[in-house]
Amino acid sequence: MATVNLKVGGMSCEMCVGHVTRALLSVDGVVSAKVDLEGGSAVVVTEDEPSRVAELIDAVTEEGYEAEEAS
């Protein structure tokens, strides 16, 4: 298991959180996704190494939000 931390921008309500969560969970290998509206972040647990970061970011941006790997 690996944990990926993302910064997520453009969320303004709980519906946004739902969209981002569903987008992250749709990526193959994602076990769980916890999205924080106030913190503008997401913590994603994947089955394998965090090589899926690009896929996670793409899934979020396809929903219309901004995402990048948190340092």
PDB file of N, CA and C in Angstrom:
ATOM      1  N   MET A   1       0.844  -1.180   0.000  1.00  0.00           N
ATOM      2  CA  MET A   1       0.000   0.000   0.000  1.00  0.00           C
ATOM      3  C   MET A   1       0.890   1.245   0.000  1.00  0.00           C
ATOM      4  N   ALA A   2       0.392   2.278  -0.635  1.00  0.00           N
ATOM      5  CA  ALA A   2       1.105   3.553  -0.677  1.00  0.00           C
ATOM      6  C   ALA A   2       0.103   4.673  -0.465  1.00  0.00           C
ATOM      7  N   THR A   3       0.563   5.759   0.142  1.00  0.00           N
ATOM      8  CA  THR A   3      -0.285   6.923   0.376  1.00  0.00           C
ATOM      9  C   THR A   3       0.203   8.077  -0.473  1.00  0.00           C
ATOM     10  N   VAL A   4      -0.734   8.729  -1.150  1.00  0.00           N
ATOM     11  CA  VAL A   4      -0.428   9.882  -1.987  1.00  0.00           C
ATOM     12  C   VAL A   4      -1.191  11.081  -1.426  1.00  0.00           C
ATOM     13  N   ASN A   5      -0.478  12.170  -1.186  1.00  0.00           N
ATOM     14  CA  ASN A   5      -1.099  13.401  -0.708  1.00  0.00           C
ATOM     15  C   ASN A   5      -1.178  14.389  -1.856  1.00  0.00           C
ATOM     16  N   LEU A   6      -2.370  14.930  -2.082  1.00  0.00           N
ATOM     17  CA  LEU A   6      -2.585  15.886  -3.159  1.00  0.00           C
ATOM     18  C   LEU A   6      -3.103  17.208  -2.612  1.00  0.00           C
ATOM     19  N   LYS A   7      -2.708  18.301  -3.256  1.00  0.00           N
ATOM     20  CA  LYS A   7      -3.338  19.597  -3.042  1.00  0.00           C
ATOM     21  C   LYS A   7      -4.430  19.687  -4.095  1.00  0.00           C
ATOM     22  N   VAL A   8      -5.632  20.075  -3.684  1.00  0.00           N
ATOM     23  CA  VAL A   8      -6.753  20.162  -4.618  1.00  0.00           C
ATOM     24  C   VAL A   8      -7.325  21.565  -4.547  1.00  0.00           C
ATOM     25  N   GLY A   9      -7.431  22.211  -5.696  1.00  0.00           N
ATOM     26  CA  GLY A   9      -7.965  23.567  -5.757  1.00  0.00           C
ATOM     27  C   GLY A   9      -9.265  23.615  -6.530  1.00  0.00           C
ATOM     28  N   GLY A  10     -10.052  24.651  -6.250  1.00  0.00           N
ATOM     29  CA  GLY A  10     -11.295  24.871  -6.982  1.00  0.00           C
ATOM     30  C   GLY A  10     -12.530  24.297  -6.330  1.00  0.00           C
ATOM     31  N   MET A  11     -12.378  23.673  -5.168  1.00  0.00           N
ATOM     32  CA  MET A  11     -13.544  23.121  -4.471  1.00  0.00           C
ATOM     33  C   MET A  11     -14.184  24.219  -3.625  1.00  0.00           C
ATOM     34  N   SER A  12     -15.529  24.270  -3.662  1.00  0.00           N
ATOM     35  CA  SER A  12     -16.225  25.298  -2.880  1.00  0.00           C
ATOM     36  C   SER A  12     -17.353  24.748  -2.021  1.00  0.00           C
ATOM     37  N   CYS A  13     -17.673  23.457  -2.165  1.00  0.00           N
ATOM     38  CA  CYS A  13     -18.792  22.899  -1.405  1.00  0.00           C
ATOM     39  C   CYS A  13     -18.631  21.380  -1.272  1.00  0.00           C
ATOM     40  N   GLU A  14     -19.554  20.776  -0.535  1.00  0.00           N
ATOM     41  CA  GLU A  14     -19.501  19.329  -0.330  1.00  0.00           C
ATOM     42  C   GLU A  14     -19.760  18.554  -1.622  1.00  0.00           C
ATOM     43  N   MET A  15     -20.507  19.149  -2.560  1.00  0.00           N
ATOM     44  CA  MET A  15     -20.703  18.480  -3.849  1.00  0.00           C
ATOM     45  C   MET A  15     -19.372  18.355  -4.581  1.00  0.00           C
ATOM     46  N   CYS A  16     -18.531  19.391  -4.467  1.00  0.00           N
ATOM     47  CA  CYS A  16     -17.200  19.348  -5.071  1.00  0.00           C
ATOM     48  C   CYS A  16     -16.389  18.205  -4.456  1.00  0.00           C
ATOM     49  N   VAL A  17     -16.475  18.075  -3.153  1.00  0.00           N
ATOM     50  CA  VAL A  17     -15.769  16.992  -2.457  1.00  0.00           C
ATOM     51  C   VAL A  17     -16.215  15.645  -3.008  1.00  0.00           C
ATOM     52  N   GLY A  18     -17.513  15.496  -3.221  1.00  0.00           N
ATOM     53  CA  GLY A  18     -18.041  14.249  -3.780  1.00  0.00           C
ATOM     54  C   GLY A  18     -17.513  13.978  -5.174  1.00  0.00           C
ATOM     55  N   HIS A  19     -17.463  15.018  -6.012  1.00  0.00           N
ATOM     56  CA  HIS A  19     -16.944  14.852  -7.374  1.00  0.00           C
ATOM     57  C   HIS A  19     -15.486  14.409  -7.353  1.00  0.00           C
ATOM     58  N   VAL A  20     -14.683  15.074  -6.521  1.00  0.00           N
ATOM     59  CA  VAL A  20     -13.256  14.751  -6.454  1.00  0.00           C
ATOM     60  C   VAL A  20     -13.058  13.341  -5.882  1.00  0.00           C
ATOM     61  N   THR A  21     -13.814  13.010  -4.857  1.00  0.00           N
ATOM     62  CA  THR A  21     -13.702  11.677  -4.250  1.00  0.00           C
ATOM     63  C   THR A  21     -14.033  10.595  -5.264  1.00  0.00           C
ATOM     64  N   ARG A  22     -15.139  10.757  -5.976  1.00  0.00           N
ATOM     65  CA  ARG A  22     -15.522   9.757  -6.983  1.00  0.00           C
ATOM     66  C   ARG A  22     -14.478   9.659  -8.091  1.00  0.00           C
ATOM     67  N   ALA A  23     -13.929  10.791  -8.495  1.00  0.00           N
ATOM     68  CA  ALA A  23     -12.895  10.783  -9.544  1.00  0.00           C
ATOM     69  C   ALA A  23     -11.678   9.993  -9.083  1.00  0.00           C
ATOM     70  N   LEU A  24     -11.252  10.222  -7.845  1.00  0.00           N
ATOM     71  CA  LEU A  24     -10.083   9.519  -7.317  1.00  0.00           C
ATOM     72  C   LEU A  24     -10.359   8.020  -7.179  1.00  0.00           C
ATOM     73  N   LEU A  25     -11.541   7.677  -6.693  1.00  0.00           N
ATOM     74  CA  LEU A  25     -11.875   6.265  -6.512  1.00  0.00           C
ATOM     75  C   LEU A  25     -12.021   5.533  -7.838  1.00  0.00           C
ATOM     76  N   SER A  26     -12.217   6.259  -8.926  1.00  0.00           N
ATOM     77  CA  SER A  26     -12.370   5.621 -10.238  1.00  0.00           C
ATOM     78  C   SER A  26     -11.041   5.168 -10.830  1.00  0.00           C
ATOM     79  N   VAL A  27      -9.925   5.623 -10.258  1.00  0.00           N
ATOM     80  CA  VAL A  27      -8.599   5.235 -10.761  1.00  0.00           C
ATOM     81  C   VAL A  27      -8.274   3.818 -10.278  1.00  0.00           C
ATOM     82  N   ASP A  28      -7.854   2.972 -11.212  1.00  0.00           N
ATOM     83  CA  ASP A  28      -7.503   1.595 -10.863  1.00  0.00           C
ATOM     84  C   ASP A  28      -6.451   1.572  -9.760  1.00  0.00           C
ATOM     85  N   GLY A  29      -6.659   0.704  -8.767  1.00  0.00           N
ATOM     86  CA  GLY A  29      -5.693   0.534  -7.696  1.00  0.00           C
ATOM     87  C   GLY A  29      -5.931   1.411  -6.489  1.00  0.00           C
ATOM     88  N   VAL A  30      -6.910   2.329  -6.547  1.00  0.00           N
ATOM     89  CA  VAL A  30      -7.186   3.193  -5.402  1.00  0.00           C
ATOM     90  C   VAL A  30      -8.040   2.423  -4.405  1.00  0.00           C
ATOM     91  N   VAL A  31      -7.571   2.398  -3.160  1.00  0.00           N
ATOM     92  CA  VAL A  31      -8.264   1.702  -2.087  1.00  0.00           C
ATOM     93  C   VAL A  31      -9.202   2.659  -1.361  1.00  0.00           C
ATOM     94  N   SER A  32      -8.730   3.883  -1.101  1.00  0.00           N
ATOM     95  CA  SER A  32      -9.561   4.875  -0.422  1.00  0.00           C
ATOM     96  C   SER A  32      -9.095   6.275  -0.782  1.00  0.00           C
ATOM     97  N   ALA A  33     -10.015   7.233  -0.614  1.00  0.00           N
ATOM     98  CA  ALA A  33      -9.706   8.636  -0.877  1.00  0.00           C
ATOM     99  C   ALA A  33     -10.456   9.486   0.132  1.00  0.00           C
ATOM    100  N   LYS A  34      -9.722  10.312   0.858  1.00  0.00           N
ATOM    101  CA  LYS A  34     -10.325  11.222   1.836  1.00  0.00           C
ATOM    102  C   LYS A  34     -10.013  12.643   1.378  1.00  0.00           C
ATOM    103  N   VAL A  35     -11.065  13.390   1.027  1.00  0.00           N
ATOM    104  CA  VAL A  35     -10.916  14.738   0.496  1.00  0.00           C
ATOM    105  C   VAL A  35     -11.349  15.738   1.564  1.00  0.00           C
ATOM    106  N   ASP A  36     -10.515  16.746   1.794  1.00  0.00           N
ATOM    107  CA  ASP A  36     -10.766  17.769   2.817  1.00  0.00           C
ATOM    108  C   ASP A  36     -11.041  19.105   2.135  1.00  0.00           C
ATOM    109  N   LEU A  37     -12.288  19.576   2.238  1.00  0.00           N
ATOM    110  CA  LEU A  37     -12.690  20.825   1.600  1.00  0.00           C
ATOM    111  C   LEU A  37     -11.928  22.010   2.162  1.00  0.00           C
ATOM    112  N   GLU A  38     -11.925  22.154   3.478  1.00  0.00           N
ATOM    113  CA  GLU A  38     -11.272  23.307   4.116  1.00  0.00           C
ATOM    114  C   GLU A  38      -9.770  23.325   3.888  1.00  0.00           C
ATOM    115  N   GLY A  39      -9.159  22.167   3.925  1.00  0.00           N
ATOM    116  CA  GLY A  39      -7.711  22.083   3.740  1.00  0.00           C
ATOM    117  C   GLY A  39      -7.285  22.065   2.282  1.00  0.00           C
ATOM    118  N   GLY A  40      -8.246  21.876   1.365  1.00  0.00           N
ATOM    119  CA  GLY A  40      -7.922  21.807  -0.049  1.00  0.00           C
ATOM    120  C   GLY A  40      -6.960  20.682  -0.355  1.00  0.00           C
ATOM    121  N   SER A  41      -7.262  19.511   0.208  1.00  0.00           N
ATOM    122  CA  SER A  41      -6.335  18.406   0.049  1.00  0.00           C
ATOM    123  C   SER A  41      -7.067  17.078  -0.106  1.00  0.00           C
ATOM    124  N   ALA A  42      -6.302  16.075  -0.493  1.00  0.00           N
ATOM    125  CA  ALA A  42      -6.820  14.710  -0.583  1.00  0.00           C
ATOM    126  C   ALA A  42      -5.719  13.753  -0.176  1.00  0.00           C
ATOM    127  N   VAL A  43      -6.105  12.728   0.565  1.00  0.00           N
ATOM    128  CA  VAL A  43      -5.182  11.658   0.928  1.00  0.00           C
ATOM    129  C   VAL A  43      -5.725  10.396   0.265  1.00  0.00           C
ATOM    130  N   VAL A  44      -4.900   9.814  -0.591  1.00  0.00           N
ATOM    131  CA  VAL A  44      -5.327   8.661  -1.382  1.00  0.00           C
ATOM    132  C   VAL A  44      -4.440   7.474  -1.045  1.00  0.00           C
ATOM    133  N   VAL A  45      -5.073   6.346  -0.761  1.00  0.00           N
ATOM    134  CA  VAL A  45      -4.339   5.110  -0.502  1.00  0.00           C
ATOM    135  C   VAL A  45      -4.496   4.232  -1.733  1.00  0.00           C
ATOM    136  N   THR A  46      -3.344   3.788  -2.266  1.00  0.00           N
ATOM    137  CA  THR A  46      -3.353   2.925  -3.448  1.00  0.00           C
ATOM    138  C   THR A  46      -2.780   1.558  -3.101  1.00  0.00           C
ATOM    139  N   GLU A  47      -3.090   0.589  -3.937  1.00  0.00           N
ATOM    140  CA  GLU A  47      -2.613  -0.781  -3.709  1.00  0.00           C
ATOM    141  C   GLU A  47      -1.125  -0.928  -3.949  1.00  0.00           C
ATOM    142  N   ASP A  48      -0.574  -0.068  -4.789  1.00  0.00           N
ATOM    143  CA  ASP A  48       0.818  -0.230  -5.177  1.00  0.00           C
ATOM    144  C   ASP A  48       1.611   1.047  -4.923  1.00  0.00           C
ATOM    145  N   GLU A  49       2.781   1.107  -5.471  1.00  0.00           N
ATOM    146  CA  GLU A  49       3.641   2.273  -5.303  1.00  0.00           C
ATOM    147  C   GLU A  49       2.934   3.531  -5.822  1.00  0.00           C
ATOM    148  N   PRO A  50       3.333   4.693  -5.354  1.00  0.00           N
ATOM    149  CA  PRO A  50       2.642   5.921  -5.763  1.00  0.00           C
ATOM    150  C   PRO A  50       2.942   6.345  -7.203  1.00  0.00           C
ATOM    151  N   SER A  51       3.075   5.356  -8.072  1.00  0.00           N
ATOM    152  CA  SER A  51       3.345   5.655  -9.475  1.00  0.00           C
ATOM    153  C   SER A  51       2.103   6.161 -10.184  1.00  0.00           C
ATOM    154  N   ARG A  52       0.980   6.084  -9.540  1.00  0.00           N
ATOM    155  CA  ARG A  52      -0.279   6.506 -10.131  1.00  0.00           C
ATOM    156  C   ARG A  52      -0.581   7.985  -9.886  1.00  0.00           C
ATOM    157  N   VAL A  53       0.372   8.728  -9.407  1.00  0.00           N
ATOM    158  CA  VAL A  53       0.138  10.143  -9.089  1.00  0.00           C
ATOM    159  C   VAL A  53      -0.397  10.891 -10.303  1.00  0.00           C
ATOM    160  N   ALA A  54       0.197  10.671 -11.456  1.00  0.00           N
ATOM    161  CA  ALA A  54      -0.254  11.360 -12.673  1.00  0.00           C
ATOM    162  C   ALA A  54      -1.701  10.992 -13.001  1.00  0.00           C
ATOM    163  N   GLU A  55      -2.055   9.729 -12.827  1.00  0.00           N
ATOM    164  CA  GLU A  55      -3.427   9.295 -13.082  1.00  0.00           C
ATOM    165  C   GLU A  55      -4.403   9.949 -12.109  1.00  0.00           C
ATOM    166  N   LEU A  56      -4.002  10.070 -10.854  1.00  0.00           N
ATOM    167  CA  LEU A  56      -4.859  10.714  -9.855  1.00  0.00           C
ATOM    168  C   LEU A  56      -5.079  12.179 -10.201  1.00  0.00           C
ATOM    169  N   ILE A  57      -3.996  12.862 -10.557  1.00  0.00           N
ATOM    170  CA  ILE A  57      -4.092  14.278 -10.927  1.00  0.00           C
ATOM    171  C   ILE A  57      -4.969  14.442 -12.161  1.00  0.00           C
ATOM    172  N   ASP A  58      -4.791  13.578 -13.152  1.00  0.00           N
ATOM    173  CA  ASP A  58      -5.613  13.639 -14.356  1.00  0.00           C
ATOM    174  C   ASP A  58      -7.091  13.442 -14.042  1.00  0.00           C
ATOM    175  N   ALA A  59      -7.398  12.504 -13.159  1.00  0.00           N
ATOM    176  CA  ALA A  59      -8.792  12.238 -12.804  1.00  0.00           C
ATOM    177  C   ALA A  59      -9.438  13.463 -12.177  1.00  0.00           C
ATOM    178  N   VAL A  60      -8.698  14.152 -11.307  1.00  0.00           N
ATOM    179  CA  VAL A  60      -9.232  15.347 -10.646  1.00  0.00           C
ATOM    180  C   VAL A  60      -9.393  16.490 -11.644  1.00  0.00           C
ATOM    181  N   THR A  61      -8.396  16.697 -12.486  1.00  0.00           N
ATOM    182  CA  THR A  61      -8.478  17.808 -13.443  1.00  0.00           C
ATOM    183  C   THR A  61      -9.562  17.570 -14.484  1.00  0.00           C
ATOM    184  N   GLU A  62      -9.826  16.322 -14.833  1.00  0.00           N
ATOM    185  CA  GLU A  62     -10.911  16.020 -15.764  1.00  0.00           C
ATOM    186  C   GLU A  62     -12.268  16.400 -15.187  1.00  0.00           C
ATOM    187  N   GLU A  63     -12.371  16.452 -13.861  1.00  0.00           N
ATOM    188  CA  GLU A  63     -13.607  16.876 -13.206  1.00  0.00           C
ATOM    189  C   GLU A  63     -13.698  18.397 -13.088  1.00  0.00           C
ATOM    190  N   GLY A  64     -12.637  19.093 -13.505  1.00  0.00           N
ATOM    191  CA  GLY A  64     -12.676  20.551 -13.492  1.00  0.00           C
ATOM    192  C   GLY A  64     -12.004  21.212 -12.295  1.00  0.00           C
ATOM    193  N   TYR A  65     -11.222  20.441 -11.548  1.00  0.00           N
ATOM    194  CA  TYR A  65     -10.539  20.968 -10.374  1.00  0.00           C
ATOM    195  C   TYR A  65      -9.039  20.952 -10.619  1.00  0.00           C
ATOM    196  N   GLU A  66      -8.312  21.648  -9.780  1.00  0.00           N
ATOM    197  CA  GLU A  66      -6.854  21.681  -9.891  1.00  0.00           C
ATOM    198  C   GLU A  66      -6.263  20.677  -8.904  1.00  0.00           C
ATOM    199  N   ALA A  67      -5.177  20.046  -9.297  1.00  0.00           N
ATOM    200  CA  ALA A  67      -4.539  19.074  -8.398  1.00  0.00           C
ATOM    201  C   ALA A  67      -3.054  19.023  -8.673  1.00  0.00           C
ATOM    202  N   GLU A  68      -2.308  18.817  -7.611  1.00  0.00           N
ATOM    203  CA  GLU A  68      -0.866  18.591  -7.712  1.00  0.00           C
ATOM    204  C   GLU A  68      -0.436  17.796  -6.498  1.00  0.00           C
ATOM    205  N   GLU A  69       0.697  17.126  -6.630  1.00  0.00           N
ATOM    206  CA  GLU A  69       1.196  16.346  -5.513  1.00  0.00           C
ATOM    207  C   GLU A  69       1.675  17.293  -4.411  1.00  0.00           C
ATOM    208  N   ALA A  70       1.252  17.031  -3.192  1.00  0.00           N
ATOM    209  CA  ALA A  70       1.670  17.851  -2.050  1.00  0.00           C
ATOM    210  C   ALA A  70       3.081  17.445  -1.650  1.00  0.00           C
ATOM    211  N   SER A  71       3.855  18.422  -1.237  1.00  0.00           N
ATOM    212  CA  SER A  71       5.234  18.115  -0.843  1.00  0.00           C
ATOM    213  C   SER A  71       5.334  17.799   0.624  1.00  0.00           C
TER     214      SER A  71
END
